[in-house]
Amino acid sequence: MTDDGTTTAAATGTLGYEQARDELIEVVRRLEAGGTSLEDSLALWERGEELAKVCRHWLEGARARLDAALAGPAAPGPDAGDTAAGAG
């Protein structure tokens, strides 16, 4: 049913990084432990893929923010070059 898939996607999108990471760790533990049916294993795998996407989204956002913060102050203004040239 598409409503269930949409609801799951919306709920996954509201997870914070730490929540998604912790749930992903639990999914991996359950899969590694075995003892689940094929259907349950497949559902766990699909949930793990969703959670990995959430984590990747958060990490990419964090990387972009860090890159922007690092690039901002490092860019010299037009006065920086003039001051250095005038001092010499």
C-alpha atoms as a PDB file:
ATOM      1  CA  MET A   1       0.000   0.000   0.000  1.00  0.00           C
ATOM      2  CA  THR A   2       1.437   3.391  -0.967  1.00  0.00           C
ATOM      3  CA  ASP A   3       0.106   5.165   2.126  1.00  0.00           C
ATOM      4  CA  ASP A   4       2.253   2.949   4.343  1.00  0.00           C
ATOM      5  CA  GLY A   5       5.336   3.638   2.243  1.00  0.00           C
ATOM      6  CA  THR A   6       4.686   7.360   2.311  1.00  0.00           C
ATOM      7  CA  THR A   7       4.115   7.318   6.055  1.00  0.00           C
ATOM      8  CA  THR A   8       7.321   5.350   6.612  1.00  0.00           C
ATOM      9  CA  ALA A   9       9.297   7.737   4.409  1.00  0.00           C
ATOM     10  CA  ALA A  10       7.859  10.750   6.213  1.00  0.00           C
ATOM     11  CA  ALA A  11       8.601   9.251   9.631  1.00  0.00           C
ATOM     12  CA  THR A  12      12.139   8.382   8.580  1.00  0.00           C
ATOM     13  CA  GLY A  13      12.684  11.918   7.307  1.00  0.00           C
ATOM     14  CA  THR A  14      11.938  13.361  10.736  1.00  0.00           C
ATOM     15  CA  LEU A  15      14.590  11.283  12.483  1.00  0.00           C
ATOM     16  CA  GLY A  16      17.684  12.970  13.768  1.00  0.00           C
ATOM     17  CA  TYR A  17      21.091  11.597  12.892  1.00  0.00           C
ATOM     18  CA  GLU A  18      21.683   9.920  16.255  1.00  0.00           C
ATOM     19  CA  GLN A  19      18.237   8.296  16.255  1.00  0.00           C
ATOM     20  CA  ALA A  20      18.683   6.946  12.729  1.00  0.00           C
ATOM     21  CA  ARG A  21      22.215   5.733  13.508  1.00  0.00           C
ATOM     22  CA  ASP A  22      21.122   3.947  16.674  1.00  0.00           C
ATOM     23  CA  GLU A  23      18.205   2.262  14.935  1.00  0.00           C
ATOM     24  CA  LEU A  24      20.474   1.269  12.037  1.00  0.00           C
ATOM     25  CA  ILE A  25      22.904  -0.329  14.502  1.00  0.00           C
ATOM     26  CA  GLU A  26      20.024  -2.329  15.975  1.00  0.00           C
ATOM     27  CA  VAL A  27      18.861  -3.423  12.517  1.00  0.00           C
ATOM     28  CA  VAL A  28      22.369  -4.631  11.673  1.00  0.00           C
ATOM     29  CA  ARG A  29      22.618  -6.532  14.973  1.00  0.00           C
ATOM     30  CA  ARG A  30      19.317  -8.274  14.322  1.00  0.00           C
ATOM     31  CA  LEU A  31      20.344  -9.217  10.793  1.00  0.00           C
ATOM     32  CA  GLU A  32      23.736 -10.513  11.940  1.00  0.00           C
ATOM     33  CA  ALA A  33      22.161 -12.522  14.746  1.00  0.00           C
ATOM     34  CA  GLY A  34      20.013 -14.404  12.248  1.00  0.00           C
ATOM     35  CA  GLY A  35      17.048 -16.501  13.270  1.00  0.00           C
ATOM     36  CA  THR A  36      14.532 -14.320  11.443  1.00  0.00           C
ATOM     37  CA  SER A  37      12.351 -15.366   8.567  1.00  0.00           C
ATOM     38  CA  LEU A  38      13.206 -14.352   5.035  1.00  0.00           C
ATOM     39  CA  GLU A  39      10.333 -11.876   5.031  1.00  0.00           C
ATOM     40  CA  ASP A  40      11.455 -10.312   8.329  1.00  0.00           C
ATOM     41  CA  SER A  41      15.050 -10.168   7.131  1.00  0.00           C
ATOM     42  CA  LEU A  42      13.972  -8.425   3.947  1.00  0.00           C
ATOM     43  CA  ALA A  43      11.916  -5.896   5.936  1.00  0.00           C
ATOM     44  CA  LEU A  44      14.906  -5.252   8.210  1.00  0.00           C
ATOM     45  CA  TRP A  45      17.177  -4.782   5.198  1.00  0.00           C
ATOM     46  CA  GLU A  46      14.762  -2.284   3.633  1.00  0.00           C
ATOM     47  CA  ARG A  47      14.510  -0.379   6.918  1.00  0.00           C
ATOM     48  CA  GLY A  48      18.289  -0.346   7.152  1.00  0.00           C
ATOM     49  CA  GLU A  49      18.543   1.143   3.659  1.00  0.00           C
ATOM     50  CA  GLU A  50      16.091   3.902   4.636  1.00  0.00           C
ATOM     51  CA  LEU A  51      18.020   4.644   7.814  1.00  0.00           C
ATOM     52  CA  ALA A  52      21.331   4.720   5.941  1.00  0.00           C
ATOM     53  CA  LYS A  53      19.869   7.320   3.575  1.00  0.00           C
ATOM     54  CA  VAL A  54      18.809   9.458   6.535  1.00  0.00           C
ATOM     55  CA  CYS A  55      22.293   9.226   8.048  1.00  0.00           C
ATOM     56  CA  ARG A  56      23.904  10.037   4.701  1.00  0.00           C
ATOM     57  CA  HIS A  57      21.612  13.066   4.300  1.00  0.00           C
ATOM     58  CA  TRP A  58      22.563  14.417   7.737  1.00  0.00           C
ATOM     59  CA  LEU A  59      26.274  13.822   7.138  1.00  0.00           C
ATOM     60  CA  GLU A  60      26.202  15.503   3.730  1.00  0.00           C
ATOM     61  CA  GLY A  61      24.435  18.492   5.277  1.00  0.00           C
ATOM     62  CA  ALA A  62      27.029  18.680   8.030  1.00  0.00           C
ATOM     63  CA  ARG A  63      29.843  18.467   5.482  1.00  0.00           C
ATOM     64  CA  ALA A  64      28.318  21.291   3.435  1.00  0.00           C
ATOM     65  CA  ARG A  65      27.999  23.472   6.538  1.00  0.00           C
ATOM     66  CA  LEU A  66      31.617  22.793   7.502  1.00  0.00           C
ATOM     67  CA  ASP A  67      32.844  23.511   3.987  1.00  0.00           C
ATOM     68  CA  ALA A  68      30.900  26.787   3.956  1.00  0.00           C
ATOM     69  CA  ALA A  69      32.245  27.778   7.368  1.00  0.00           C
ATOM     70  CA  LEU A  70      35.807  26.975   6.387  1.00  0.00           C
ATOM     71  CA  ALA A  71      35.558  28.726   3.022  1.00  0.00           C
ATOM     72  CA  GLY A  72      33.919  31.877   4.403  1.00  0.00           C
ATOM     73  CA  PRO A  73      36.619  33.386   6.639  1.00  0.00           C
ATOM     74  CA  ALA A  74      39.516  32.139   4.487  1.00  0.00           C
ATOM     75  CA  ALA A  75      38.472  34.165   1.444  1.00  0.00           C
ATOM     76  CA  PRO A  76      40.524  37.393   1.468  1.00  0.00           C
ATOM     77  CA  GLY A  77      38.638  40.617   0.908  1.00  0.00           C
ATOM     78  CA  PRO A  78      39.711  43.273  -1.612  1.00  0.00           C
ATOM     79  CA  ASP A  79      41.308  45.344   1.190  1.00  0.00           C
ATOM     80  CA  ALA A  80      43.557  42.478   2.293  1.00  0.00           C
ATOM     81  CA  GLY A  81      45.647  42.627  -0.866  1.00  0.00           C
ATOM     82  CA  ASP A  82      45.876  46.417  -0.850  1.00  0.00           C
ATOM     83  CA  THR A  83      47.071  46.541   2.757  1.00  0.00           C
ATOM     84  CA  ALA A  84      49.819  44.019   2.134  1.00  0.00           C
ATOM     85  CA  ALA A  85      50.975  45.814  -1.025  1.00  0.00           C
ATOM     86  CA  GLY A  86      50.938  49.226   0.642  1.00  0.00           C
ATOM     87  CA  ALA A  87      53.036  48.010   3.584  1.00  0.00           C
ATOM     88  CA  GLY A  88      55.907  46.864   1.389  1.00  0.00           C
END
